[in-house]
Amino acid sequence: MAPRIVAGLFQSEGIAEDACHRLKTEGVPAGDIGRKVLKEIGRPPETMEPELEAGFLGPLLLGNFRETFAPYIRNGETLVYVQAATDEQVEMAIDVLKLYTPIEVRVFPGAEGADP
């Protein structure tokens, strides 16, 4: 089974960091967890348009970032993403992320051999 990416968007970097620590406590290897602070306020600046179009998270999040998470970006929100190889790991990651009241949680197909 191809790995999947569980992604949660949080209102602040601190909340996201707490979720990352909990994932590690639950046994998720640090190398399977990533965090990206999204600091845009309001509309993304024009200078960021190429990054949004190119998928600045690389092969981790497949699909159109602008349609999935960009509408939620307002002021310092932070994305946490976890690589999960099994259904049990996906469910555990979702359950842990939901403990920290995310704005949104989604599961994406992962790229073979991709690092978070």
Protein backbone atom coordinates (compact mmCIF):
# COMPACT_ATOMS: atom_id res chain seq x y z
CA MET A 1 0.00 0.00 0.00
CA ALA A 2 1.34 3.43 -0.92
CA PRO A 3 1.92 5.80 1.98
CA ARG A 4 -0.60 8.56 2.51
CA ILE A 5 -0.24 12.03 3.96
CA VAL A 6 -2.51 13.16 6.78
CA ALA A 7 -2.54 16.96 6.90
CA GLY A 8 -4.03 19.19 9.57
CA LEU A 9 -4.26 22.97 9.48
CA PHE A 10 -4.04 24.73 12.86
CA GLN A 11 -4.75 28.30 13.96
CA SER A 12 -1.28 28.84 15.37
CA GLU A 13 2.24 27.50 15.30
CA GLY A 14 2.07 26.68 19.02
CA ILE A 15 -0.98 24.44 18.65
CA ALA A 16 0.63 22.72 15.66
CA GLU A 17 3.84 22.17 17.63
CA ASP A 18 1.85 20.55 20.45
CA ALA A 19 0.21 18.22 17.91
CA CYS A 20 3.66 17.29 16.54
CA HIS A 21 4.94 16.47 20.03
CA ARG A 22 1.90 14.28 20.69
CA LEU A 23 2.40 12.44 17.39
CA LYS A 24 6.01 11.68 18.46
CA THR A 25 4.77 10.52 21.88
CA GLU A 26 2.37 8.16 20.12
CA GLY A 27 5.29 6.58 18.25
CA VAL A 28 5.35 8.43 14.92
CA PRO A 29 9.00 8.83 13.83
CA ALA A 30 10.12 12.47 13.70
CA GLY A 31 11.13 11.95 10.05
CA ASP A 32 7.50 11.19 9.14
CA ILE A 33 6.21 14.49 10.56
CA GLY A 34 6.48 17.90 8.92
CA ARG A 35 5.31 21.38 9.82
CA LYS A 36 4.95 24.49 7.67
CA VAL A 37 4.02 27.91 9.06
CA LEU A 38 1.81 29.82 6.65
CA LYS A 39 2.22 33.51 7.48
CA GLU A 40 0.22 35.22 4.78
CA ILE A 41 -2.36 37.74 5.96
CA GLY A 42 -5.42 38.07 3.77
CA ARG A 43 -4.78 37.31 0.13
CA PRO A 44 -1.40 35.77 -0.61
CA PRO A 45 1.00 38.36 -2.04
CA GLU A 46 1.58 38.31 -5.78
CA THR A 47 5.17 37.24 -5.18
CA MET A 48 3.87 33.99 -3.66
CA GLU A 49 1.63 33.11 -6.59
CA PRO A 50 4.31 30.99 -8.35
CA GLU A 51 4.91 28.99 -5.15
CA LEU A 52 1.21 28.30 -4.66
CA GLU A 53 0.86 27.25 -8.28
CA ALA A 54 3.97 25.03 -8.13
CA GLY A 55 2.95 23.32 -4.90
CA PHE A 56 5.59 24.62 -2.50
CA LEU A 57 5.27 21.50 -0.34
CA GLY A 58 6.70 19.44 -3.16
CA PRO A 59 5.41 15.95 -3.83
CA LEU A 60 3.81 15.58 -0.40
CA LEU A 61 0.45 17.16 -1.08
CA LEU A 62 -0.95 16.16 -4.39
CA GLY A 63 -3.75 18.16 -5.85
CA ASN A 64 -4.44 21.85 -5.93
CA PHE A 65 -3.21 23.51 -2.72
CA ARG A 66 -5.15 26.68 -3.58
CA GLU A 67 -8.43 24.73 -3.52
CA THR A 68 -7.70 22.64 -0.42
CA PHE A 69 -5.97 24.79 2.22
CA ALA A 70 -5.24 28.24 0.78
CA PRO A 71 -8.78 29.55 1.52
CA TYR A 72 -8.08 29.07 5.25
CA ILE A 73 -4.79 31.01 5.31
CA ARG A 74 -5.30 34.29 7.11
CA ASN A 75 -2.80 34.95 9.87
CA GLY A 76 -0.07 32.55 10.92
CA GLU A 77 -1.90 29.28 10.45
CA THR A 78 0.35 26.21 10.47
CA LEU A 79 0.12 23.00 8.52
CA VAL A 80 1.18 19.68 10.10
CA TYR A 81 1.60 16.72 7.79
CA VAL A 82 2.28 13.09 8.64
CA GLN A 83 3.36 10.27 6.37
CA ALA A 84 1.34 7.14 7.17
CA ALA A 85 1.86 3.72 5.56
CA THR A 86 -1.11 1.78 6.96
CA ASP A 87 -4.79 2.41 7.60
CA GLU A 88 -4.10 2.18 11.35
CA GLN A 89 -1.40 4.87 11.11
CA VAL A 90 -3.73 7.12 9.10
CA GLU A 91 -6.50 6.74 11.70
CA MET A 92 -4.09 7.33 14.60
CA ALA A 93 -2.71 10.49 12.95
CA ILE A 94 -6.24 11.80 12.30
CA ASP A 95 -7.27 11.07 15.89
CA VAL A 96 -4.19 12.82 17.33
CA LEU A 97 -4.54 15.89 15.08
CA LYS A 98 -8.22 16.20 15.99
CA LEU A 99 -7.28 16.41 19.69
CA TYR A 100 -5.86 19.88 18.94
CA THR A 101 -8.97 21.32 17.24
CA PRO A 102 -7.64 21.79 13.71
CA ILE A 103 -9.31 24.06 11.20
CA GLU A 104 -9.25 21.16 8.74
CA VAL A 105 -7.85 17.62 8.46
CA ARG A 106 -7.47 15.81 5.15
CA VAL A 107 -5.82 12.67 3.82
CA PHE A 108 -3.88 12.78 0.56
CA PRO A 109 -2.22 10.03 -1.47
CA GLY A 110 1.51 10.09 -0.80
CA ALA A 111 4.34 9.91 -3.28
CA GLU A 112 6.47 6.76 -3.13
CA GLY A 113 9.82 7.49 -1.50
CA ALA A 114 8.89 11.09 -0.53
CA ASP A 115 10.14 12.55 2.72
CA PRO A 116 7.87 14.96 4.64
